[in-house]
Amino acid sequence: LSVSQSRIPDKGKSAVLKTALSDSGIYTDALSVYTDNASKMTVEITSFDPEIHEHHKKIKAILEFITKRKFEKADITVTEIKTVIVFEEKSLFSVRVGVAQKALRQGDVCGDSVAIIRKQGGRASVILSDGMGTGARAKIDSAMTCSIMEKLIFSGFDFDSALKIVNSSMIIKSTDESIATIDALNVNLFTGKAE
């Protein structure tokens, strides 16, 4: 994982939010606040009260009032033992991507593939792969390249590491030469910075 995705705990905000929830009659067993290097906030709440998830809208309103930040809809996990509620801060930016493909010859398939990855953590990525040559063979190479890259980026690999794995996969794929280009864009939806 890249360093920009690291989370830094904020014990002061955790204590303030836990007290605010308690003052509102919502008791938590654990409440942790994290910020990343782009100042995106994540709040994780753990409770052994099986009914706490019913208060997620009230909890969200309290968090937004205290922190002066907007949060996404709660991600709630309920098990037999505990309930975990996670609120991630809403990003400032969004990404819209349009795609149009055209084959070299009419009736043939386009040898290009595109993957659009919207990840948790306030990042979006777009990957474009052009299979060298034309038709079905080029399409297979570009689709495989995009698919592997998409899975790696979504799993948290940075571009350089993912690219090395894709290169190795394409070499192992077959005895025939497989060539496909990769153009990739990664956008931080909190800062607006792109690489």
C-alpha atoms as a PDB file:
ATOM      1  CA  LEU A   1       0.000   0.000   0.000  1.00  0.00           C
ATOM      2  CA  SER A   2       1.179   3.490  -0.686  1.00  0.00           C
ATOM      3  CA  VAL A   3       2.110   5.718   2.236  1.00  0.00           C
ATOM      4  CA  SER A   4      -0.688   8.166   1.341  1.00  0.00           C
ATOM      5  CA  GLN A   5      -3.252   5.589   2.453  1.00  0.00           C
ATOM      6  CA  SER A   6      -1.929   5.263   6.005  1.00  0.00           C
ATOM      7  CA  ARG A   7      -4.347   6.063   8.838  1.00  0.00           C
ATOM      8  CA  ILE A   8      -3.429   8.146  11.871  1.00  0.00           C
ATOM      9  CA  PRO A   9      -5.501   7.639  15.073  1.00  0.00           C
ATOM     10  CA  ASP A  10      -6.881  10.760  16.758  1.00  0.00           C
ATOM     11  CA  LYS A  11      -7.482   9.925  20.441  1.00  0.00           C
ATOM     12  CA  GLY A  12      -8.712  13.430  21.285  1.00  0.00           C
ATOM     13  CA  LYS A  13     -11.502  13.389  18.681  1.00  0.00           C
ATOM     14  CA  SER A  14     -12.341   9.813  19.643  1.00  0.00           C
ATOM     15  CA  ALA A  15     -12.920  10.834  23.275  1.00  0.00           C
ATOM     16  CA  VAL A  16     -14.986  13.905  22.307  1.00  0.00           C
ATOM     17  CA  LEU A  17     -17.234  11.893  19.953  1.00  0.00           C
ATOM     18  CA  LYS A  18     -17.678   9.041  22.429  1.00  0.00           C
ATOM     19  CA  THR A  19     -18.749  11.544  25.100  1.00  0.00           C
ATOM     20  CA  ALA A  20     -21.144  13.309  22.678  1.00  0.00           C
ATOM     21  CA  LEU A  21     -22.797   9.990  21.777  1.00  0.00           C
ATOM     22  CA  SER A  22     -23.008   8.996  25.449  1.00  0.00           C
ATOM     23  CA  ASP A  23     -24.630  12.357  26.306  1.00  0.00           C
ATOM     24  CA  SER A  24     -27.247  11.526  23.633  1.00  0.00           C
ATOM     25  CA  GLY A  25     -27.962   8.109  25.168  1.00  0.00           C
ATOM     26  CA  ILE A  26     -25.904   6.072  22.683  1.00  0.00           C
ATOM     27  CA  TYR A  27     -23.293   3.989  24.447  1.00  0.00           C
ATOM     28  CA  THR A  28     -20.352   2.482  22.569  1.00  0.00           C
ATOM     29  CA  ASP A  29     -17.766  -0.028  23.734  1.00  0.00           C
ATOM     30  CA  ALA A  30     -15.116   1.443  21.431  1.00  0.00           C
ATOM     31  CA  LEU A  31     -14.954   4.479  19.171  1.00  0.00           C
ATOM     32  CA  SER A  32     -11.899   5.272  17.043  1.00  0.00           C
ATOM     33  CA  VAL A  33     -11.291   8.236  14.774  1.00  0.00           C
ATOM     34  CA  TYR A  34      -8.660   8.048  12.032  1.00  0.00           C
ATOM     35  CA  THR A  35      -7.444  10.602   9.512  1.00  0.00           C
ATOM     36  CA  ASP A  36      -5.262   9.842   6.516  1.00  0.00           C
ATOM     37  CA  ASN A  37      -2.586  12.032   4.932  1.00  0.00           C
ATOM     38  CA  ALA A  38      -5.273  13.820   2.892  1.00  0.00           C
ATOM     39  CA  SER A  39      -7.151  14.604   6.170  1.00  0.00           C
ATOM     40  CA  LYS A  40     -10.029  12.247   5.294  1.00  0.00           C
ATOM     41  CA  MET A  41     -11.737  11.133   8.494  1.00  0.00           C
ATOM     42  CA  THR A  42     -13.023   7.640   9.301  1.00  0.00           C
ATOM     43  CA  VAL A  43     -14.995   6.841  12.472  1.00  0.00           C
ATOM     44  CA  GLU A  44     -15.249   3.216  13.628  1.00  0.00           C
ATOM     45  CA  ILE A  45     -17.717   2.317  16.377  1.00  0.00           C
ATOM     46  CA  THR A  46     -17.913  -1.065  18.128  1.00  0.00           C
ATOM     47  CA  SER A  47     -20.765  -1.987  20.449  1.00  0.00           C
ATOM     48  CA  PHE A  48     -22.027  -5.143  22.145  1.00  0.00           C
ATOM     49  CA  ASP A  49     -25.538  -3.623  22.141  1.00  0.00           C
ATOM     50  CA  PRO A  50     -27.412  -5.539  19.401  1.00  0.00           C
ATOM     51  CA  GLU A  51     -29.767  -2.582  18.843  1.00  0.00           C
ATOM     52  CA  ILE A  52     -27.161   0.164  18.268  1.00  0.00           C
ATOM     53  CA  HIS A  53     -27.338  -0.131  14.472  1.00  0.00           C
ATOM     54  CA  GLU A  54     -30.914   1.199  14.623  1.00  0.00           C
ATOM     55  CA  HIS A  55     -29.459   4.572  15.708  1.00  0.00           C
ATOM     56  CA  HIS A  56     -27.039   4.942  12.766  1.00  0.00           C
ATOM     57  CA  LYS A  57     -28.820   8.045  11.369  1.00  0.00           C
ATOM     58  CA  LYS A  58     -28.750   9.781  14.764  1.00  0.00           C
ATOM     59  CA  ILE A  59     -25.073   8.805  15.203  1.00  0.00           C
ATOM     60  CA  LYS A  60     -24.255  10.226  11.753  1.00  0.00           C
ATOM     61  CA  ALA A  61     -26.013  13.505  12.570  1.00  0.00           C
ATOM     62  CA  ILE A  62     -24.048  13.839  15.844  1.00  0.00           C
ATOM     63  CA  LEU A  63     -20.735  13.055  14.111  1.00  0.00           C
ATOM     64  CA  GLU A  64     -21.427  15.630  11.386  1.00  0.00           C
ATOM     65  CA  PHE A  65     -22.455  18.280  13.915  1.00  0.00           C
ATOM     66  CA  ILE A  66     -19.376  17.779  16.131  1.00  0.00           C
ATOM     67  CA  THR A  67     -16.752  17.347  13.370  1.00  0.00           C
ATOM     68  CA  LYS A  68     -18.274  19.825  10.863  1.00  0.00           C
ATOM     69  CA  ARG A  69     -17.701  17.182   8.162  1.00  0.00           C
ATOM     70  CA  LYS A  70     -20.090  15.188   5.971  1.00  0.00           C
ATOM     71  CA  PHE A  71     -20.034  11.375   6.074  1.00  0.00           C
ATOM     72  CA  GLU A  72     -21.130   8.647   3.688  1.00  0.00           C
ATOM     73  CA  LYS A  73     -23.934   6.272   4.643  1.00  0.00           C
ATOM     74  CA  ALA A  74     -22.890   3.960   7.508  1.00  0.00           C
ATOM     75  CA  ASP A  75     -21.265   0.607   6.740  1.00  0.00           C
ATOM     76  CA  ILE A  76     -22.808  -1.668   9.386  1.00  0.00           C
ATOM     77  CA  THR A  77     -21.642  -5.188  10.285  1.00  0.00           C
ATOM     78  CA  VAL A  78     -23.765  -7.107  12.802  1.00  0.00           C
ATOM     79  CA  THR A  79     -22.489 -10.393  14.261  1.00  0.00           C
ATOM     80  CA  GLU A  80     -23.764 -12.575  17.084  1.00  0.00           C
ATOM     81  CA  ILE A  81     -21.385 -10.857  19.487  1.00  0.00           C
ATOM     82  CA  LYS A  82     -20.969  -7.248  18.379  1.00  0.00           C
ATOM     83  CA  THR A  83     -21.934  -4.531  15.927  1.00  0.00           C
ATOM     84  CA  VAL A  84     -19.344  -2.487  14.030  1.00  0.00           C
ATOM     85  CA  ILE A  85     -20.412   0.762  12.375  1.00  0.00           C
ATOM     86  CA  VAL A  86     -17.998   2.624  10.090  1.00  0.00           C
ATOM     87  CA  PHE A  87     -18.507   6.144   8.779  1.00  0.00           C
ATOM     88  CA  GLU A  88     -16.193   7.433   6.044  1.00  0.00           C
ATOM     89  CA  GLU A  89     -16.023  11.112   5.241  1.00  0.00           C
ATOM     90  CA  LYS A  90     -17.582  12.158   1.930  1.00  0.00           C
ATOM     91  CA  SER A  91     -15.079  13.233  -0.682  1.00  0.00           C
ATOM     92  CA  LEU A  92     -15.006  16.779  -2.028  1.00  0.00           C
ATOM     93  CA  PHE A  93     -14.714  15.702  -5.662  1.00  0.00           C
ATOM     94  CA  SER A  94     -16.272  13.099  -7.920  1.00  0.00           C
ATOM     95  CA  VAL A  95     -15.108  11.614 -11.205  1.00  0.00           C
ATOM     96  CA  ARG A  96     -17.161  11.107 -14.344  1.00  0.00           C
ATOM     97  CA  VAL A  97     -15.705   8.954 -17.076  1.00  0.00           C
ATOM     98  CA  GLY A  98     -17.033   8.544 -20.621  1.00  0.00           C
ATOM     99  CA  VAL A  99     -15.889   5.722 -22.870  1.00  0.00           C
ATOM    100  CA  ALA A 100     -16.308   5.219 -26.625  1.00  0.00           C
ATOM    101  CA  GLN A 101     -14.744   2.343 -28.547  1.00  0.00           C
ATOM    102  CA  LYS A 102     -14.408   1.762 -32.278  1.00  0.00           C
ATOM    103  CA  ALA A 103     -12.861  -1.209 -34.053  1.00  0.00           C
ATOM    104  CA  LEU A 104     -10.321  -0.669 -36.833  1.00  0.00           C
ATOM    105  CA  ARG A 105     -12.500  -2.581 -39.309  1.00  0.00           C
ATOM    106  CA  GLN A 106     -16.295  -2.790 -39.390  1.00  0.00           C
ATOM    107  CA  GLY A 107     -17.557  -6.057 -37.895  1.00  0.00           C
ATOM    108  CA  ASP A 108     -14.368  -6.596 -35.883  1.00  0.00           C
ATOM    109  CA  VAL A 109     -13.970  -6.132 -32.100  1.00  0.00           C
ATOM    110  CA  CYS A 110     -12.123  -3.188 -30.609  1.00  0.00           C
ATOM    111  CA  GLY A 111      -8.735  -4.114 -29.134  1.00  0.00           C
ATOM    112  CA  ASP A 112      -8.988  -1.558 -26.311  1.00  0.00           C
ATOM    113  CA  SER A 113     -10.293  -2.119 -22.788  1.00  0.00           C
ATOM    114  CA  VAL A 114     -11.151   0.277 -19.962  1.00  0.00           C
ATOM    115  CA  ALA A 115     -11.544  -0.277 -16.217  1.00  0.00           C
ATOM    116  CA  ILE A 116     -13.001   2.307 -13.834  1.00  0.00           C
ATOM    117  CA  ILE A 117     -12.257   1.695 -10.162  1.00  0.00           C
ATOM    118  CA  ARG A 118     -14.055   3.560  -7.408  1.00  0.00           C
ATOM    119  CA  LYS A 119     -12.346   2.587  -4.199  1.00  0.00           C
ATOM    120  CA  GLN A 120     -13.028   3.237  -0.566  1.00  0.00           C
ATOM    121  CA  GLY A 121     -10.602   5.681   0.867  1.00  0.00           C
ATOM    122  CA  GLY A 122     -11.508   8.522  -1.468  1.00  0.00           C
ATOM    123  CA  ARG A 123      -9.693   7.409  -4.588  1.00  0.00           C
ATOM    124  CA  ALA A 124     -10.816   6.691  -8.128  1.00  0.00           C
ATOM    125  CA  SER A 125      -8.730   5.123 -10.875  1.00  0.00           C
ATOM    126  CA  VAL A 126      -9.154   4.742 -14.613  1.00  0.00           C
ATOM    127  CA  ILE A 127      -7.129   2.218 -16.591  1.00  0.00           C
ATOM    128  CA  LEU A 128      -6.933   2.105 -20.382  1.00  0.00           C
ATOM    129  CA  SER A 129      -5.237  -0.776 -22.169  1.00  0.00           C
ATOM    130  CA  ASP A 130      -4.593  -1.036 -25.908  1.00  0.00           C
ATOM    131  CA  GLY A 131      -3.896  -4.552 -27.141  1.00  0.00           C
ATOM    132  CA  MET A 132      -1.304  -4.387 -29.907  1.00  0.00           C
ATOM    133  CA  GLY A 133      -2.638  -5.522 -33.251  1.00  0.00           C
ATOM    134  CA  THR A 134      -6.311  -5.752 -34.140  1.00  0.00           C
ATOM    135  CA  GLY A 135      -9.402  -7.800 -33.470  1.00  0.00           C
ATOM    136  CA  ALA A 136     -10.022 -10.579 -30.978  1.00  0.00           C
ATOM    137  CA  ARG A 137      -6.359 -11.236 -30.116  1.00  0.00           C
ATOM    138  CA  ALA A 138      -5.752  -7.579 -29.226  1.00  0.00           C
ATOM    139  CA  LYS A 139      -9.013  -7.528 -27.232  1.00  0.00           C
ATOM    140  CA  ILE A 140      -7.979 -10.579 -25.172  1.00  0.00           C
ATOM    141  CA  ASP A 141      -4.608  -9.039 -24.300  1.00  0.00           C
ATOM    142  CA  SER A 142      -6.067  -5.648 -23.352  1.00  0.00           C
ATOM    143  CA  ALA A 143      -8.967  -7.193 -21.389  1.00  0.00           C
ATOM    144  CA  MET A 144      -6.582  -9.424 -19.418  1.00  0.00           C
ATOM    145  CA  THR A 145      -4.256  -6.490 -18.731  1.00  0.00           C
ATOM    146  CA  CYS A 146      -7.152  -4.289 -17.522  1.00  0.00           C
ATOM    147  CA  SER A 147      -8.720  -7.038 -15.439  1.00  0.00           C
ATOM    148  CA  ILE A 148      -5.527  -7.899 -13.543  1.00  0.00           C
ATOM    149  CA  MET A 149      -4.606  -4.244 -13.043  1.00  0.00           C
ATOM    150  CA  GLU A 150      -8.138  -3.441 -11.818  1.00  0.00           C
ATOM    151  CA  LYS A 151      -8.080  -6.230  -9.216  1.00  0.00           C
ATOM    152  CA  LEU A 152      -4.629  -5.223  -7.952  1.00  0.00           C
ATOM    153  CA  ILE A 153      -5.410  -1.492  -7.694  1.00  0.00           C
ATOM    154  CA  PHE A 154      -8.747  -2.211  -5.972  1.00  0.00           C
ATOM    155  CA  SER A 155      -6.906  -4.471  -3.489  1.00  0.00           C
ATOM    156  CA  GLY A 156      -4.604  -1.598  -2.514  1.00  0.00           C
ATOM    157  CA  PHE A 157      -1.485  -2.121  -4.640  1.00  0.00           C
ATOM    158  CA  ASP A 158       0.183   1.038  -5.927  1.00  0.00           C
ATOM    159  CA  PHE A 159       0.583   1.445  -9.695  1.00  0.00           C
ATOM    160  CA  ASP A 160       4.262   0.460  -9.864  1.00  0.00           C
ATOM    161  CA  SER A 161       3.746  -2.815  -7.971  1.00  0.00           C
ATOM    162  CA  ALA A 162       0.597  -3.644  -9.950  1.00  0.00           C
ATOM    163  CA  LEU A 163       2.385  -2.985 -13.236  1.00  0.00           C
ATOM    164  CA  LYS A 164       5.194  -5.414 -12.345  1.00  0.00           C
ATOM    165  CA  ILE A 165       2.656  -8.142 -11.543  1.00  0.00           C
ATOM    166  CA  VAL A 166       0.755  -7.484 -14.795  1.00  0.00           C
ATOM    167  CA  ASN A 167       3.993  -7.708 -16.791  1.00  0.00           C
ATOM    168  CA  SER A 168       4.828 -11.039 -15.161  1.00  0.00           C
ATOM    169  CA  SER A 169       1.305 -12.350 -15.813  1.00  0.00           C
ATOM    170  CA  MET A 170       1.427 -11.387 -19.482  1.00  0.00           C
ATOM    171  CA  ILE A 171       4.791 -13.133 -19.918  1.00  0.00           C
ATOM    172  CA  ILE A 172       3.489 -16.320 -18.284  1.00  0.00           C
ATOM    173  CA  LYS A 173       0.143 -16.181 -20.157  1.00  0.00           C
ATOM    174  CA  SER A 174       1.371 -18.002 -23.254  1.00  0.00           C
ATOM    175  CA  THR A 175       4.360 -18.854 -25.404  1.00  0.00           C
ATOM    176  CA  ASP A 176       3.120 -16.310 -27.972  1.00  0.00           C
ATOM    177  CA  GLU A 177       4.076 -12.708 -27.463  1.00  0.00           C
ATOM    178  CA  SER A 178       1.383 -10.675 -25.686  1.00  0.00           C
ATOM    179  CA  ILE A 179       1.711  -6.927 -25.848  1.00  0.00           C
ATOM    180  CA  ALA A 180      -0.686  -4.359 -24.422  1.00  0.00           C
ATOM    181  CA  THR A 181      -0.163  -0.788 -23.289  1.00  0.00           C
ATOM    182  CA  ILE A 182      -1.431   0.615 -20.005  1.00  0.00           C
ATOM    183  CA  ASP A 183      -2.428   4.195 -19.331  1.00  0.00           C
ATOM    184  CA  ALA A 184      -3.584   4.757 -15.760  1.00  0.00           C
ATOM    185  CA  LEU A 185      -4.979   7.669 -13.773  1.00  0.00           C
ATOM    186  CA  ASN A 186      -5.401   7.755  -9.997  1.00  0.00           C
ATOM    187  CA  VAL A 187      -7.359  10.680  -8.487  1.00  0.00           C
ATOM    188  CA  ASN A 188      -7.502  11.596  -4.801  1.00  0.00           C
ATOM    189  CA  LEU A 189     -11.137  12.699  -4.388  1.00  0.00           C
ATOM    190  CA  PHE A 190     -10.300  14.727  -1.259  1.00  0.00           C
ATOM    191  CA  THR A 191      -7.407  16.781  -2.573  1.00  0.00           C
ATOM    192  CA  GLY A 192      -8.158  16.673  -6.318  1.00  0.00           C
ATOM    193  CA  LYS A 193      -4.571  15.615  -7.011  1.00  0.00           C
ATOM    194  CA  ALA A 194      -4.028  13.076  -9.776  1.00  0.00           C
ATOM    195  CA  GLU A 195      -1.117  10.873 -10.748  1.00  0.00           C
END
